[in-house]
N, C-alpha and C. Protein backbone atom coordinates (compact mmCIF):
# COMPACT_ATOMS: atom_id res chain seq x y z
N UNK A 1 0.85 -1.18 0.00
CA UNK A 1 0.00 0.00 0.00
C UNK A 1 0.89 1.24 0.00
N UNK A 2 0.65 2.18 -0.90
CA UNK A 2 1.50 3.37 -0.95
C UNK A 2 1.28 4.26 0.28
N UNK A 3 2.33 4.94 0.65
CA UNK A 3 2.26 5.83 1.80
C UNK A 3 1.46 7.08 1.43
N UNK A 4 0.50 7.44 2.28
CA UNK A 4 -0.32 8.63 2.04
C UNK A 4 0.48 9.89 2.36
N UNK A 5 0.18 10.97 1.65
CA UNK A 5 0.84 12.23 2.00
C UNK A 5 0.32 12.71 3.35
N UNK A 6 1.00 13.66 3.92
CA UNK A 6 0.75 14.09 5.30
C UNK A 6 -0.70 14.49 5.58
N UNK A 7 -1.31 15.37 4.78
CA UNK A 7 -2.70 15.73 5.06
C UNK A 7 -3.66 14.53 4.90
N UNK A 8 -3.40 13.66 3.95
CA UNK A 8 -4.26 12.49 3.77
C UNK A 8 -4.10 11.51 4.93
N UNK A 9 -2.91 11.41 5.49
CA UNK A 9 -2.70 10.59 6.69
C UNK A 9 -3.58 11.11 7.82
N UNK A 10 -3.52 12.43 8.01
CA UNK A 10 -4.32 13.05 9.06
C UNK A 10 -5.81 12.77 8.82
N UNK A 11 -6.29 13.03 7.61
CA UNK A 11 -7.71 12.86 7.32
C UNK A 11 -8.15 11.41 7.49
N UNK A 12 -7.35 10.47 7.02
CA UNK A 12 -7.70 9.06 7.16
C UNK A 12 -7.76 8.65 8.63
N UNK A 13 -6.75 9.07 9.40
CA UNK A 13 -6.73 8.73 10.82
C UNK A 13 -7.88 9.42 11.56
N UNK A 14 -8.18 10.64 11.20
CA UNK A 14 -9.30 11.36 11.81
C UNK A 14 -10.61 10.61 11.60
N UNK A 15 -10.86 10.20 10.37
CA UNK A 15 -12.09 9.47 10.06
C UNK A 15 -12.15 8.15 10.84
N UNK A 16 -11.04 7.41 10.83
CA UNK A 16 -11.01 6.12 11.52
C UNK A 16 -11.22 6.30 13.02
N UNK A 17 -10.49 7.24 13.62
CA UNK A 17 -10.63 7.46 15.08
C UNK A 17 -12.03 7.93 15.46
N UNK A 18 -12.60 8.83 14.66
CA UNK A 18 -13.95 9.29 14.98
C UNK A 18 -14.99 8.18 14.79
N UNK A 19 -14.81 7.34 13.79
CA UNK A 19 -15.74 6.21 13.61
C UNK A 19 -15.63 5.21 14.76
N UNK A 20 -14.41 4.90 15.17
CA UNK A 20 -14.21 3.99 16.30
C UNK A 20 -14.80 4.59 17.57
N UNK A 21 -14.50 5.86 17.81
CA UNK A 21 -15.01 6.54 19.00
C UNK A 21 -16.53 6.59 18.99
N UNK A 22 -17.11 6.90 17.82
CA UNK A 22 -18.56 6.93 17.69
C UNK A 22 -19.15 5.56 18.01
N UNK A 23 -18.56 4.52 17.46
CA UNK A 23 -19.04 3.16 17.74
C UNK A 23 -18.98 2.82 19.21
N UNK A 24 -17.86 3.15 19.85
CA UNK A 24 -17.73 2.90 21.29
C UNK A 24 -18.72 3.74 22.09
N UNK A 25 -18.88 4.98 21.69
CA UNK A 25 -19.81 5.89 22.36
C UNK A 25 -21.23 5.31 22.31
N UNK A 26 -21.64 4.88 21.12
CA UNK A 26 -22.97 4.30 20.93
C UNK A 26 -23.10 3.01 21.74
N UNK A 27 -22.05 2.20 21.74
CA UNK A 27 -22.06 0.94 22.48
C UNK A 27 -22.24 1.18 23.98
N UNK A 28 -21.52 2.14 24.53
CA UNK A 28 -21.64 2.46 25.95
C UNK A 28 -23.04 2.98 26.27
N UNK A 29 -23.55 3.88 25.43
CA UNK A 29 -24.90 4.40 25.66
C UNK A 29 -25.93 3.27 25.61
N UNK A 30 -25.79 2.39 24.65
CA UNK A 30 -26.71 1.27 24.50
C UNK A 30 -26.62 0.33 25.70
N UNK A 31 -25.41 0.02 26.13
CA UNK A 31 -25.21 -0.89 27.27
C UNK A 31 -25.82 -0.32 28.55
N UNK A 32 -25.83 0.99 28.66
CA UNK A 32 -26.41 1.65 29.84
C UNK A 32 -27.89 1.95 29.66
N UNK A 33 -28.43 1.49 28.52
CA UNK A 33 -29.84 1.69 28.18
C UNK A 33 -30.22 3.18 28.17
N UNK A 34 -29.33 3.97 27.60
CA UNK A 34 -29.55 5.41 27.45
C UNK A 34 -29.91 5.69 25.99
N UNK A 35 -30.51 6.84 25.71
CA UNK A 35 -30.83 7.17 24.32
C UNK A 35 -29.55 7.19 23.47
N UNK A 36 -29.56 6.43 22.39
CA UNK A 36 -28.34 6.23 21.60
C UNK A 36 -28.08 7.38 20.63
N UNK A 37 -29.04 7.75 19.82
CA UNK A 37 -28.83 8.79 18.81
C UNK A 37 -29.47 10.11 19.22
N UNK A 38 -29.45 10.40 20.49
CA UNK A 38 -30.03 11.62 21.02
C UNK A 38 -28.93 12.66 21.22
N UNK A 39 -29.30 13.82 21.62
CA UNK A 39 -28.35 14.90 22.01
C UNK A 39 -27.47 15.37 20.86
N UNK A 40 -27.98 15.28 19.64
CA UNK A 40 -27.26 15.75 18.45
C UNK A 40 -25.91 15.06 18.29
N UNK A 41 -25.84 13.80 18.70
CA UNK A 41 -24.56 13.09 18.70
C UNK A 41 -23.98 12.92 17.29
N UNK A 42 -24.82 12.59 16.32
CA UNK A 42 -24.32 12.41 14.95
C UNK A 42 -23.83 13.74 14.40
N UNK A 43 -24.61 14.79 14.60
CA UNK A 43 -24.20 16.12 14.14
C UNK A 43 -22.88 16.53 14.79
N UNK A 44 -22.72 16.20 16.05
CA UNK A 44 -21.51 16.56 16.77
C UNK A 44 -20.27 15.89 16.18
N UNK A 45 -20.37 14.61 15.90
CA UNK A 45 -19.23 13.90 15.31
C UNK A 45 -18.91 14.45 13.92
N UNK A 46 -19.95 14.71 13.14
CA UNK A 46 -19.74 15.21 11.78
C UNK A 46 -19.14 16.62 11.81
N UNK A 47 -19.72 17.51 12.61
CA UNK A 47 -19.23 18.89 12.66
C UNK A 47 -17.81 18.95 13.21
N UNK A 48 -17.53 18.23 14.29
CA UNK A 48 -16.18 18.23 14.84
C UNK A 48 -15.17 17.65 13.86
N UNK A 49 -15.55 16.59 13.16
CA UNK A 49 -14.65 16.01 12.16
C UNK A 49 -14.39 16.96 11.00
N UNK A 50 -15.45 17.57 10.48
CA UNK A 50 -15.29 18.50 9.37
C UNK A 50 -14.46 19.72 9.76
N UNK A 51 -14.74 20.27 10.92
CA UNK A 51 -13.97 21.45 11.35
C UNK A 51 -12.50 21.11 11.56
N UNK A 52 -12.21 19.97 12.18
CA UNK A 52 -10.82 19.57 12.38
C UNK A 52 -10.13 19.37 11.03
N UNK A 53 -10.81 18.74 10.09
CA UNK A 53 -10.24 18.51 8.77
C UNK A 53 -9.96 19.83 8.05
N UNK A 54 -10.93 20.72 8.04
CA UNK A 54 -10.77 22.01 7.35
C UNK A 54 -9.65 22.82 7.98
N UNK A 55 -9.64 22.89 9.30
CA UNK A 55 -8.62 23.68 9.99
C UNK A 55 -7.23 23.12 9.71
N UNK A 56 -7.07 21.78 9.82
CA UNK A 56 -5.75 21.21 9.59
C UNK A 56 -5.29 21.39 8.15
N UNK A 57 -6.18 21.16 7.20
CA UNK A 57 -5.81 21.30 5.79
C UNK A 57 -5.39 22.75 5.49
N UNK A 58 -6.11 23.70 6.07
CA UNK A 58 -5.73 25.11 5.87
C UNK A 58 -4.38 25.42 6.52
N UNK A 59 -4.17 24.90 7.73
CA UNK A 59 -2.86 25.10 8.38
C UNK A 59 -1.75 24.50 7.52
N UNK A 60 -2.00 23.31 6.98
CA UNK A 60 -0.98 22.66 6.14
C UNK A 60 -0.73 23.45 4.86
N UNK A 61 -1.81 23.92 4.26
CA UNK A 61 -1.69 24.67 3.01
C UNK A 61 -0.85 25.94 3.18
N UNK A 62 -1.02 26.62 4.31
CA UNK A 62 -0.33 27.89 4.54
C UNK A 62 0.88 27.75 5.46
N UNK A 63 1.36 26.53 5.67
CA UNK A 63 2.44 26.29 6.62
C UNK A 63 3.73 27.03 6.28
N UNK A 64 4.05 27.13 5.01
CA UNK A 64 5.29 27.80 4.60
C UNK A 64 5.14 29.33 4.68
N UNK A 65 4.04 29.80 4.14
CA UNK A 65 3.82 31.23 4.06
C UNK A 65 3.61 31.86 5.43
N UNK A 66 2.92 31.15 6.32
CA UNK A 66 2.57 31.71 7.63
C UNK A 66 3.15 30.89 8.78
N UNK A 67 4.37 30.35 8.60
CA UNK A 67 4.90 29.42 9.60
C UNK A 67 5.08 30.05 10.98
N UNK A 68 5.29 31.34 11.05
CA UNK A 68 5.43 31.99 12.35
C UNK A 68 4.09 32.26 13.03
N UNK A 69 3.01 32.12 12.30
CA UNK A 69 1.68 32.37 12.86
C UNK A 69 0.83 31.10 13.02
N UNK A 70 1.42 29.93 12.78
CA UNK A 70 0.65 28.68 12.83
C UNK A 70 -0.02 28.50 14.19
N UNK A 71 0.67 28.81 15.26
CA UNK A 71 0.09 28.67 16.61
C UNK A 71 -1.13 29.55 16.79
N UNK A 72 -1.05 30.77 16.32
CA UNK A 72 -2.19 31.68 16.42
C UNK A 72 -3.35 31.21 15.53
N UNK A 73 -3.02 30.71 14.35
CA UNK A 73 -4.05 30.19 13.47
C UNK A 73 -4.71 28.95 14.07
N UNK A 74 -3.91 28.11 14.72
CA UNK A 74 -4.45 26.94 15.40
C UNK A 74 -5.43 27.35 16.49
N UNK A 75 -5.05 28.35 17.28
CA UNK A 75 -5.94 28.84 18.34
C UNK A 75 -7.19 29.48 17.74
N UNK A 76 -7.04 30.15 16.60
CA UNK A 76 -8.19 30.70 15.89
C UNK A 76 -9.14 29.60 15.45
N UNK A 77 -8.58 28.46 15.05
CA UNK A 77 -9.40 27.30 14.71
C UNK A 77 -10.20 26.80 15.90
N UNK A 78 -9.58 26.81 17.06
CA UNK A 78 -10.30 26.42 18.28
C UNK A 78 -11.42 27.40 18.60
N UNK A 79 -11.16 28.66 18.37
CA UNK A 79 -12.19 29.68 18.56
C UNK A 79 -13.36 29.43 17.60
N UNK A 80 -13.04 29.07 16.39
CA UNK A 80 -14.07 28.75 15.39
C UNK A 80 -14.91 27.56 15.84
N UNK A 81 -14.27 26.55 16.42
CA UNK A 81 -15.01 25.39 16.93
C UNK A 81 -15.97 25.80 18.05
N UNK A 82 -15.52 26.68 18.94
CA UNK A 82 -16.40 27.15 20.01
C UNK A 82 -17.57 27.96 19.44
N UNK A 83 -17.31 28.74 18.43
CA UNK A 83 -18.38 29.49 17.77
C UNK A 83 -19.43 28.54 17.21
N UNK A 84 -18.99 27.49 16.54
CA UNK A 84 -19.92 26.50 16.01
C UNK A 84 -20.70 25.82 17.14
N UNK A 85 -20.01 25.55 18.26
CA UNK A 85 -20.70 24.95 19.40
C UNK A 85 -21.83 25.86 19.87
N UNK A 86 -21.52 27.14 20.04
CA UNK A 86 -22.53 28.05 20.56
C UNK A 86 -23.65 28.33 19.56
N UNK A 87 -23.37 28.19 18.27
CA UNK A 87 -24.41 28.40 17.26
C UNK A 87 -25.25 27.15 16.99
N UNK A 88 -24.61 25.98 16.93
CA UNK A 88 -25.30 24.76 16.51
C UNK A 88 -25.76 23.85 17.64
N UNK A 89 -25.09 23.90 18.78
CA UNK A 89 -25.38 22.92 19.82
C UNK A 89 -25.94 23.53 21.11
N UNK A 90 -25.35 24.61 21.55
CA UNK A 90 -25.71 25.19 22.83
C UNK A 90 -27.19 25.52 22.95
N UNK A 91 -27.81 26.14 21.94
CA UNK A 91 -29.25 26.44 22.08
C UNK A 91 -30.10 25.18 22.31
N UNK A 92 -29.79 24.11 21.61
CA UNK A 92 -30.55 22.86 21.79
C UNK A 92 -30.26 22.25 23.16
N UNK A 93 -29.02 22.31 23.58
CA UNK A 93 -28.64 21.72 24.87
C UNK A 93 -29.23 22.51 26.04
N UNK A 94 -29.36 23.80 25.89
CA UNK A 94 -29.89 24.64 26.98
C UNK A 94 -31.39 24.88 26.86
N UNK A 95 -32.05 24.28 25.89
CA UNK A 95 -33.49 24.50 25.67
C UNK A 95 -34.31 24.15 26.91
N UNK A 96 -33.89 23.13 27.65
CA UNK A 96 -34.61 22.74 28.86
C UNK A 96 -34.06 23.44 30.11
N UNK A 97 -33.13 24.37 29.91
CA UNK A 97 -32.57 25.14 31.02
C UNK A 97 -31.36 24.49 31.67
N UNK A 98 -30.99 23.31 31.21
CA UNK A 98 -29.88 22.59 31.82
C UNK A 98 -29.14 21.80 30.76
N UNK A 99 -27.82 21.74 30.87
CA UNK A 99 -27.04 20.90 29.97
C UNK A 99 -26.66 19.64 30.73
N UNK A 100 -27.17 18.50 30.28
CA UNK A 100 -26.91 17.24 30.97
C UNK A 100 -25.52 16.71 30.63
N UNK A 101 -25.10 15.73 31.40
CA UNK A 101 -23.82 15.09 31.14
C UNK A 101 -23.82 14.37 29.79
N UNK A 102 -24.97 13.83 29.40
CA UNK A 102 -25.07 13.16 28.10
C UNK A 102 -24.91 14.16 26.96
N UNK A 103 -25.49 15.33 27.12
CA UNK A 103 -25.34 16.38 26.10
C UNK A 103 -23.90 16.85 26.02
N UNK A 104 -23.29 17.06 27.18
CA UNK A 104 -21.90 17.48 27.23
C UNK A 104 -21.00 16.43 26.57
N UNK A 105 -21.22 15.16 26.90
CA UNK A 105 -20.43 14.07 26.33
C UNK A 105 -20.61 13.95 24.83
N UNK A 106 -21.85 14.16 24.36
CA UNK A 106 -22.13 14.05 22.93
C UNK A 106 -21.30 15.05 22.14
N UNK A 107 -21.05 16.22 22.71
CA UNK A 107 -20.22 17.20 22.01
C UNK A 107 -18.74 17.03 22.35
N UNK A 108 -18.42 16.87 23.63
CA UNK A 108 -17.04 16.95 24.07
C UNK A 108 -16.20 15.75 23.63
N UNK A 109 -16.77 14.56 23.59
CA UNK A 109 -15.98 13.38 23.23
C UNK A 109 -15.42 13.50 21.81
N UNK A 110 -16.24 13.77 20.78
CA UNK A 110 -15.65 13.93 19.45
C UNK A 110 -14.75 15.17 19.35
N UNK A 111 -15.09 16.23 20.10
CA UNK A 111 -14.25 17.43 20.12
C UNK A 111 -12.86 17.09 20.64
N UNK A 112 -12.79 16.35 21.75
CA UNK A 112 -11.51 16.00 22.35
C UNK A 112 -10.68 15.09 21.44
N UNK A 113 -11.32 14.10 20.81
CA UNK A 113 -10.61 13.20 19.92
C UNK A 113 -10.03 13.98 18.73
N UNK A 114 -10.86 14.81 18.11
CA UNK A 114 -10.41 15.60 16.97
C UNK A 114 -9.31 16.58 17.38
N UNK A 115 -9.48 17.23 18.53
CA UNK A 115 -8.48 18.19 19.00
C UNK A 115 -7.14 17.52 19.29
N UNK A 116 -7.18 16.35 19.92
CA UNK A 116 -5.94 15.63 20.21
C UNK A 116 -5.19 15.31 18.91
N UNK A 117 -5.91 14.75 17.93
CA UNK A 117 -5.26 14.38 16.67
C UNK A 117 -4.77 15.62 15.92
N UNK A 118 -5.58 16.67 15.94
CA UNK A 118 -5.21 17.91 15.26
C UNK A 118 -3.95 18.51 15.91
N UNK A 119 -3.88 18.48 17.22
CA UNK A 119 -2.71 19.00 17.94
C UNK A 119 -1.47 18.17 17.63
N UNK A 120 -1.62 16.86 17.65
CA UNK A 120 -0.51 15.96 17.37
C UNK A 120 0.04 16.19 15.97
N UNK A 121 -0.83 16.25 14.98
CA UNK A 121 -0.38 16.42 13.59
C UNK A 121 0.13 17.84 13.32
N UNK A 122 -0.43 18.83 13.98
CA UNK A 122 0.09 20.19 13.80
C UNK A 122 1.49 20.29 14.40
N UNK A 123 1.69 19.66 15.55
CA UNK A 123 3.01 19.63 16.16
C UNK A 123 4.02 18.92 15.26
N UNK A 124 3.60 17.81 14.68
CA UNK A 124 4.46 17.06 13.76
C UNK A 124 4.79 17.91 12.53
N UNK A 125 3.80 18.63 12.03
CA UNK A 125 4.00 19.50 10.87
C UNK A 125 5.02 20.60 11.20
N UNK A 126 4.90 21.19 12.38
CA UNK A 126 5.83 22.24 12.78
C UNK A 126 7.25 21.70 12.94
N UNK A 127 7.38 20.49 13.47
CA UNK A 127 8.72 19.87 13.59
C UNK A 127 9.31 19.64 12.21
N UNK A 128 8.48 19.19 11.26
CA UNK A 128 8.96 18.99 9.90
C UNK A 128 9.39 20.30 9.26
N UNK A 129 8.67 21.38 9.55
CA UNK A 129 9.06 22.71 9.03
C UNK A 129 10.41 23.12 9.59
N UNK A 130 10.61 22.85 10.88
CA UNK A 130 11.86 23.20 11.54
C UNK A 130 13.03 22.43 10.93
N UNK A 131 12.82 21.14 10.69
CA UNK A 131 13.87 20.30 10.10
C UNK A 131 14.16 20.74 8.67
N UNK A 132 13.11 21.05 7.91
CA UNK A 132 13.28 21.48 6.52
C UNK A 132 13.99 22.82 6.38
N UNK A 133 13.86 23.69 7.40
CA UNK A 133 14.47 25.01 7.31
C UNK A 133 15.95 25.00 7.70
N UNK A 134 16.44 23.89 8.22
CA UNK A 134 17.86 23.81 8.64
C UNK A 134 18.74 23.42 7.50
């Protein structure tokens, strides 16, 4: 199997990790006899995956031109994710006046998985830039 280029490695691993996490998440909810596809869980996995993919691909695309600002752009990406949370999820989660642990988990679990992978690959990308510039 040919080796994937760096952004495709990230995207493939992101999809695989989010699918595995989603499956485990659903399995745990089902085992506890909790609502499985409730709390916008599917939307959360999709939105977090898409945002992580878009942010990383943009960081990779502009890595040479804006290499001194990658950290700030990465933080801007996190700000964008929070904006999407407050626009797409928070109103539904707070509709009953309270955000339950299930609602929090439905958003935070895919957010954390995507953020971890995005951070790891961005760090790897920056190390590669450092090595290439020497």
